[in-house]
PDB file of N, CA and C in Angstrom:
ATOM      1  N   ARG A   1     -37.418  73.303-118.000  1.00  0.00           N
ATOM      2  CA  ARG A   1     -38.445  74.322-118.117  1.00  0.00           C
ATOM      3  C   ARG A   1     -37.845  75.664-117.752  1.00  0.00           C
ATOM      4  N   SER A   2     -37.650  76.486-118.717  1.00  0.00           N
ATOM      5  CA  SER A   2     -36.970  77.739-118.435  1.00  0.00           C
ATOM      6  C   SER A   2     -37.870  78.955-118.479  1.00  0.00           C
ATOM      7  N   GLY A   3     -39.095  78.835-118.983  1.00  0.00           N
ATOM      8  CA  GLY A   3     -39.919  80.023-119.121  1.00  0.00           C
ATOM      9  C   GLY A   3     -39.236  81.006-120.035  1.00  0.00           C
ATOM     10  N   SER A   4     -39.095  82.253-119.603  1.00  0.00           N
ATOM     11  CA  SER A   4     -38.447  83.256-120.449  1.00  0.00           C
ATOM     12  C   SER A   4     -36.943  83.352-120.212  1.00  0.00           C
ATOM     13  N   ASP A   5     -36.405  82.633-119.245  1.00  0.00           N
ATOM     14  CA  ASP A   5     -34.969  82.651-118.954  1.00  0.00           C
ATOM     15  C   ASP A   5     -34.285  81.511-119.704  1.00  0.00           C
ATOM     16  N   VAL A   6     -33.922  81.759-120.952  1.00  0.00           N
ATOM     17  CA  VAL A   6     -33.360  80.713-121.811  1.00  0.00           C
ATOM     18  C   VAL A   6     -32.109  80.092-121.210  1.00  0.00           C
ATOM     19  N   ALA A   7     -31.267  80.884-120.579  1.00  0.00           N
ATOM     20  CA  ALA A   7     -30.009  80.374-120.023  1.00  0.00           C
ATOM     21  C   ALA A   7     -30.234  79.387-118.882  1.00  0.00           C
ATOM     22  N   ASN A   8     -31.448  79.344-118.344  1.00  0.00           N
ATOM     23  CA  ASN A   8     -31.766  78.448-117.238  1.00  0.00           C
ATOM     24  C   ASN A   8     -32.440  77.154-117.719  1.00  0.00           C
ATOM     25  N   THR A   9     -32.409  76.901-119.008  1.00  0.00           N
ATOM     26  CA  THR A   9     -33.098  75.739-119.560  1.00  0.00           C
ATOM     27  C   THR A   9     -32.485  74.422-119.096  1.00  0.00           C
ATOM     28  N   GLU A  10     -33.321  73.407-118.996  1.00  0.00           N
ATOM     29  CA  GLU A  10     -32.859  72.054-118.706  1.00  0.00           C
ATOM     30  C   GLU A  10     -32.882  71.199-119.968  1.00  0.00           C
ATOM     31  N   MET A  11     -33.284  71.786-121.098  1.00  0.00           N
ATOM     32  CA  MET A  11     -33.284  71.083-122.385  1.00  0.00           C
ATOM     33  C   MET A  11     -31.853  70.732-122.749  1.00  0.00           C
ATOM     34  N   THR A  12     -31.626  69.494-123.154  1.00  0.00           N
ATOM     35  CA  THR A  12     -30.286  69.067-123.545  1.00  0.00           C
ATOM     36  C   THR A  12     -30.293  68.588-124.990  1.00  0.00           C
ATOM     37  N   ALA A  13     -29.139  68.653-125.610  1.00  0.00           N
ATOM     38  CA  ALA A  13     -28.955  68.135-126.966  1.00  0.00           C
ATOM     39  C   ALA A  13     -27.732  67.227-126.950  1.00  0.00           C
ATOM     40  N   THR A  14     -27.919  65.999-127.389  1.00  0.00           N
ATOM     41  CA  THR A  14     -26.845  65.013-127.413  1.00  0.00           C
ATOM     42  C   THR A  14     -26.585  64.595-128.847  1.00  0.00           C
ATOM     43  N   ARG A  15     -25.329  64.643-129.258  1.00  0.00           N
ATOM     44  CA  ARG A  15     -24.985  64.268-130.629  1.00  0.00           C
ATOM     45  C   ARG A  15     -25.248  62.786-130.838  1.00  0.00           C
ATOM     46  N   ASP A  16     -25.875  62.479-131.988  1.00  0.00           N
ATOM     47  CA  ASP A  16     -26.171  61.104-132.384  1.00  0.00           C
ATOM     48  C   ASP A  16     -25.822  60.973-133.865  1.00  0.00           C
ATOM     49  N   GLY A  17     -24.579  60.625-134.142  1.00  0.00           N
ATOM     50  CA  GLY A  17     -24.117  60.571-135.530  1.00  0.00           C
ATOM     51  C   GLY A  17     -23.996  61.969-136.105  1.00  0.00           C
ATOM     52  N   ASP A  18     -24.707  62.223-137.199  1.00  0.00           N
ATOM     53  CA  ASP A  18     -24.677  63.534-137.850  1.00  0.00           C
ATOM     54  C   ASP A  18     -25.762  64.472-137.353  1.00  0.00           C
ATOM     55  N   SER A  19     -26.544  64.059-136.373  1.00  0.00           N
ATOM     56  CA  SER A  19     -27.630  64.899-135.879  1.00  0.00           C
ATOM     57  C   SER A  19     -27.600  64.948-134.352  1.00  0.00           C
ATOM     58  N   TYR A  20     -28.604  65.597-133.786  1.00  0.00           N
ATOM     59  CA  TYR A  20     -28.717  65.717-132.334  1.00  0.00           C
ATOM     60  C   TYR A  20     -30.070  65.184-131.881  1.00  0.00           C
ATOM     61  N   VAL A  21     -30.104  64.677-130.661  1.00  0.00           N
ATOM     62  CA  VAL A  21     -31.348  64.282-130.013  1.00  0.00           C
ATOM     63  C   VAL A  21     -31.608  65.300-128.917  1.00  0.00           C
ATOM     64  N   LEU A  22     -32.750  65.985-128.998  1.00  0.00           N
ATOM     65  CA  LEU A  22     -33.131  66.981-127.997  1.00  0.00           C
ATOM     66  C   LEU A  22     -33.994  66.309-126.946  1.00  0.00           C
ATOM     67  N   SER A  23     -33.763  66.660-125.686  1.00  0.00           N
ATOM     68  CA  SER A  23     -34.518  66.064-124.594  1.00  0.00           C
ATOM     69  C   SER A  23     -34.897  67.148-123.597  1.00  0.00           C
ATOM     70  N   GLY A  24     -36.192  67.319-123.381  1.00  0.00           N
ATOM     71  CA  GLY A  24     -36.669  68.318-122.439  1.00  0.00           C
ATOM     72  C   GLY A  24     -38.025  68.827-122.867  1.00  0.00           C
ATOM     73  N   GLU A  25     -38.463  69.902-122.229  1.00  0.00           N
ATOM     74  CA  GLU A  25     -39.756  70.482-122.580  1.00  0.00           C
ATOM     75  C   GLU A  25     -39.749  71.977-122.354  1.00  0.00           C
ATOM     76  N   LYS A  26     -40.630  72.649-123.058  1.00  0.00           N
ATOM     77  CA  LYS A  26     -40.831  74.090-122.908  1.00  0.00           C
ATOM     78  C   LYS A  26     -42.200  74.263-122.287  1.00  0.00           C
ATOM     79  N   THR A  27     -42.314  75.132-121.304  1.00  0.00           N
ATOM     80  CA  THR A  27     -43.569  75.241-120.573  1.00  0.00           C
ATOM     81  C   THR A  27     -44.645  76.019-121.312  1.00  0.00           C
ATOM     82  N   TRP A  28     -44.261  76.971-122.172  1.00  0.00           N
ATOM     83  CA  TRP A  28     -45.278  77.790-122.821  1.00  0.00           C
ATOM     84  C   TRP A  28     -44.671  78.499-124.010  1.00  0.00           C
ATOM     85  N   ILE A  29     -45.359  78.469-125.144  1.00  0.00           N
ATOM     86  CA  ILE A  29     -44.927  79.179-126.346  1.00  0.00           C
ATOM     87  C   ILE A  29     -46.161  79.813-126.974  1.00  0.00           C
ATOM     88  N   SER A  30     -46.141  81.119-127.207  1.00  0.00           N
ATOM     89  CA  SER A  30     -47.258  81.783-127.879  1.00  0.00           C
ATOM     90  C   SER A  30     -47.479  81.169-129.252  1.00  0.00           C
ATOM     91  N   ASN A  31     -48.715  80.798-129.558  1.00  0.00           N
ATOM     92  CA  ASN A  31     -49.087  80.222-130.856  1.00  0.00           C
ATOM     93  C   ASN A  31     -48.262  78.987-131.206  1.00  0.00           C
ATOM     94  N   GLY A  32     -47.778  78.279-130.213  1.00  0.00           N
ATOM     95  CA  GLY A  32     -46.939  77.110-130.456  1.00  0.00           C
ATOM     96  C   GLY A  32     -47.602  76.024-131.274  1.00  0.00           C
ATOM     97  N   GLY A  33     -48.904  75.893-131.180  1.00  0.00           N
ATOM     98  CA  GLY A  33     -49.607  74.847-131.905  1.00  0.00           C
ATOM     99  C   GLY A  33     -49.767  75.094-133.386  1.00  0.00           C
ATOM    100  N   ILE A  34     -49.456  76.305-133.858  1.00  0.00           N
ATOM    101  CA  ILE A  34     -49.649  76.595-135.280  1.00  0.00           C
ATOM    102  C   ILE A  34     -48.337  76.816-136.022  1.00  0.00           C
ATOM    103  N   ALA A  35     -47.225  76.677-135.362  1.00  0.00           N
ATOM    104  CA  ALA A  35     -45.921  76.917-135.998  1.00  0.00           C
ATOM    105  C   ALA A  35     -45.526  75.746-136.894  1.00  0.00           C
ATOM    106  N   ASP A  36     -44.816  76.064-137.970  1.00  0.00           N
ATOM    107  CA  ASP A  36     -44.264  75.041-138.856  1.00  0.00           C
ATOM    108  C   ASP A  36     -42.805  74.757-138.530  1.00  0.00           C
ATOM    109  N   LEU A  37     -42.162  75.692-137.844  1.00  0.00           N
ATOM    110  CA  LEU A  37     -40.743  75.586-137.530  1.00  0.00           C
ATOM    111  C   LEU A  37     -40.502  76.229-136.171  1.00  0.00           C
ATOM    112  N   TYR A  38     -39.689  75.585-135.351  1.00  0.00           N
ATOM    113  CA  TYR A  38     -39.396  76.079-134.005  1.00  0.00           C
ATOM    114  C   TYR A  38     -37.908  76.348-133.853  1.00  0.00           C
ATOM    115  N   VAL A  39     -37.572  77.411-133.139  1.00  0.00           N
ATOM    116  CA  VAL A  39     -36.191  77.659-132.732  1.00  0.00           C
ATOM    117  C   VAL A  39     -36.096  77.160-131.300  1.00  0.00           C
ATOM    118  N   VAL A  40     -35.241  76.175-131.076  1.00  0.00           N
ATOM    119  CA  VAL A  40     -35.122  75.540-129.764  1.00  0.00           C
ATOM    120  C   VAL A  40     -33.700  75.735-129.251  1.00  0.00           C
ATOM    121  N   PHE A  41     -33.585  76.228-128.037  1.00  0.00           N
ATOM    122  CA  PHE A  41     -32.279  76.373-127.393  1.00  0.00           C
ATOM    123  C   PHE A  41     -32.090  75.201-126.444  1.00  0.00           C
ATOM    124  N   ALA A  42     -30.923  74.573-126.521  1.00  0.00           N
ATOM    125  CA  ALA A  42     -30.644  73.409-125.681  1.00  0.00           C
ATOM    126  C   ALA A  42     -29.207  73.454-125.200  1.00  0.00           C
ATOM    127  N   ARG A  43     -28.986  72.860-124.053  1.00  0.00           N
ATOM    128  CA  ARG A  43     -27.649  72.820-123.472  1.00  0.00           C
ATOM    129  C   ARG A  43     -26.813  71.756-124.177  1.00  0.00           C
ATOM    130  N   THR A  44     -25.694  72.200-124.782  1.00  0.00           N
ATOM    131  CA  THR A  44     -24.781  71.287-125.472  1.00  0.00           C
ATOM    132  C   THR A  44     -23.408  71.268-124.818  1.00  0.00           C
ATOM    133  N   GLY A  45     -23.181  72.151-123.883  1.00  0.00           N
ATOM    134  CA  GLY A  45     -21.889  72.221-123.219  1.00  0.00           C
ATOM    135  C   GLY A  45     -22.043  72.395-121.731  1.00  0.00           C
ATOM    136  N   GLU A  46     -20.927  72.332-121.044  1.00  0.00           N
ATOM    137  CA  GLU A  46     -20.922  72.432-119.583  1.00  0.00           C
ATOM    138  C   GLU A  46     -20.797  73.868-119.090  1.00  0.00           C
ATOM    139  N   ALA A  47     -20.510  74.806-119.983  1.00  0.00           N
ATOM    140  CA  ALA A  47     -20.341  76.198-119.565  1.00  0.00           C
ATOM    141  C   ALA A  47     -21.637  76.717-118.947  1.00  0.00           C
ATOM    142  N   PRO A  48     -21.530  77.520-117.905  1.00  0.00           N
ATOM    143  CA  PRO A  48     -22.728  78.043-117.253  1.00  0.00           C
ATOM    144  C   PRO A  48     -23.433  79.088-118.115  1.00  0.00           C
ATOM    145  N   GLY A  49     -24.714  79.274-117.831  1.00  0.00           N
ATOM    146  CA  GLY A  49     -25.477  80.313-118.513  1.00  0.00           C
ATOM    147  C   GLY A  49     -25.590  80.076-120.001  1.00  0.00           C
ATOM    148  N   ALA A  50     -25.644  81.167-120.751  1.00  0.00           N
ATOM    149  CA  ALA A  50     -25.863  81.092-122.195  1.00  0.00           C
ATOM    150  C   ALA A  50     -24.677  80.510-122.956  1.00  0.00           C
ATOM    151  N   LYS A  51     -23.494  80.502-122.372  1.00  0.00           N
ATOM    152  CA  LYS A  51     -22.309  80.013-123.091  1.00  0.00           C
ATOM    153  C   LYS A  51     -22.381  78.526-123.406  1.00  0.00           C
ATOM    154  N   GLY A  52     -23.171  77.765-122.690  1.00  0.00           N
ATOM    155  CA  GLY A  52     -23.285  76.335-122.944  1.00  0.00           C
ATOM    156  C   GLY A  52     -24.472  75.961-123.815  1.00  0.00           C
ATOM    157  N   LEU A  53     -25.129  76.974-124.422  1.00  0.00           N
ATOM    158  CA  LEU A  53     -26.328  76.722-125.215  1.00  0.00           C
ATOM    159  C   LEU A  53     -26.043  76.728-126.707  1.00  0.00           C
ATOM    160  N   SER A  54     -26.856  75.982-127.444  1.00  0.00           N
ATOM    161  CA  SER A  54     -26.853  76.003-128.904  1.00  0.00           C
ATOM    162  C   SER A  54     -28.294  76.150-129.361  1.00  0.00           C
ATOM    163  N   ALA A  55     -28.492  76.725-130.551  1.00  0.00           N
ATOM    164  CA  ALA A  55     -29.831  76.894-131.119  1.00  0.00           C
ATOM    165  C   ALA A  55     -30.042  75.861-132.221  1.00  0.00           C
ATOM    166  N   PHE A  56     -31.250  75.321-132.287  1.00  0.00           N
ATOM    167  CA  PHE A  56     -31.619  74.315-133.280  1.00  0.00           C
ATOM    168  C   PHE A  56     -32.917  74.737-133.954  1.00  0.00           C
ATOM    169  N   LEU A  57     -33.029  74.490-135.255  1.00  0.00           N
ATOM    170  CA  LEU A  57     -34.291  74.657-135.971  1.00  0.00           C
ATOM    171  C   LEU A  57     -34.960  73.293-136.029  1.00  0.00           C
ATOM    172  N   VAL A  58     -36.175  73.213-135.492  1.00  0.00           N
ATOM    173  CA  VAL A  58     -36.891  71.941-135.418  1.00  0.00           C
ATOM    174  C   VAL A  58     -38.188  72.059-136.215  1.00  0.00           C
ATOM    175  N   PRO A  59     -38.370  71.232-137.251  1.00  0.00           N
ATOM    176  CA  PRO A  59     -39.619  71.253-138.017  1.00  0.00           C
ATOM    177  C   PRO A  59     -40.802  70.860-137.134  1.00  0.00           C
ATOM    178  N   GLY A  60     -41.955  71.454-137.383  1.00  0.00           N
ATOM    179  CA  GLY A  60     -43.151  71.161-136.606  1.00  0.00           C
ATOM    180  C   GLY A  60     -43.601  69.718-136.691  1.00  0.00           C
ATOM    181  N   ASP A  61     -43.169  69.004-137.733  1.00  0.00           N
ATOM    182  CA  ASP A  61     -43.556  67.602-137.876  1.00  0.00           C
ATOM    183  C   ASP A  61     -42.424  66.644-137.492  1.00  0.00           C
ATOM    184  N   ALA A  62     -41.448  67.133-136.718  1.00  0.00           N
ATOM    185  CA  ALA A  62     -40.308  66.300-136.313  1.00  0.00           C
ATOM    186  C   ALA A  62     -40.773  65.127-135.449  1.00  0.00           C
ATOM    187  N   ARG A  63     -40.168  63.974-135.673  1.00  0.00           N
ATOM    188  CA  ARG A  63     -40.476  62.776-134.886  1.00  0.00           C
ATOM    189  C   ARG A  63     -40.170  63.050-133.413  1.00  0.00           C
ATOM    190  N   GLY A  64     -41.117  62.744-132.537  1.00  0.00           N
ATOM    191  CA  GLY A  64     -40.925  62.912-131.104  1.00  0.00           C
ATOM    192  C   GLY A  64     -41.376  64.250-130.551  1.00  0.00           C
ATOM    193  N   LEU A  65     -41.701  65.208-131.422  1.00  0.00           N
ATOM    194  CA  LEU A  65     -42.166  66.519-130.964  1.00  0.00           C
ATOM    195  C   LEU A  65     -43.642  66.423-130.618  1.00  0.00           C
ATOM    196  N   GLY A  66     -43.987  66.843-129.411  1.00  0.00           N
ATOM    197  CA  GLY A  66     -45.378  66.809-128.980  1.00  0.00           C
ATOM    198  C   GLY A  66     -45.861  68.195-128.605  1.00  0.00           C
ATOM    199  N   ILE A  67     -47.092  68.517-128.986  1.00  0.00           N
ATOM    200  CA  ILE A  67     -47.701  69.809-128.665  1.00  0.00           C
ATOM    201  C   ILE A  67     -48.956  69.535-127.845  1.00  0.00           C
ATOM    202  N   ALA A  68     -49.074  70.169-126.682  1.00  0.00           N
ATOM    203  CA  ALA A  68     -50.257  70.017-125.837  1.00  0.00           C
ATOM    204  C   ALA A  68     -50.770  71.396-125.463  1.00  0.00           C
ATOM    205  N   GLU A  69     -52.072  71.497-125.291  1.00  0.00           N
ATOM    206  CA  GLU A  69     -52.661  72.775-124.875  1.00  0.00           C
ATOM    207  C   GLU A  69     -53.267  72.652-123.505  1.00  0.00           C
TER     208      GLU A  69
END
């Protein structure tokens, strides 16, 4: 849960064949329930801060994605 400090995220991405499995949660996103596509930042490396992050495009109907209000 990083709030607005993306570099402090605990979201992780682990390679699984040709894709990645994202694990974690975001505490709050404006209009998150109506988006068709999400930009998700997740930790893919051991480097501290933003250097260990990667960005992923996640479809709103992706398996395992949950939206709660």
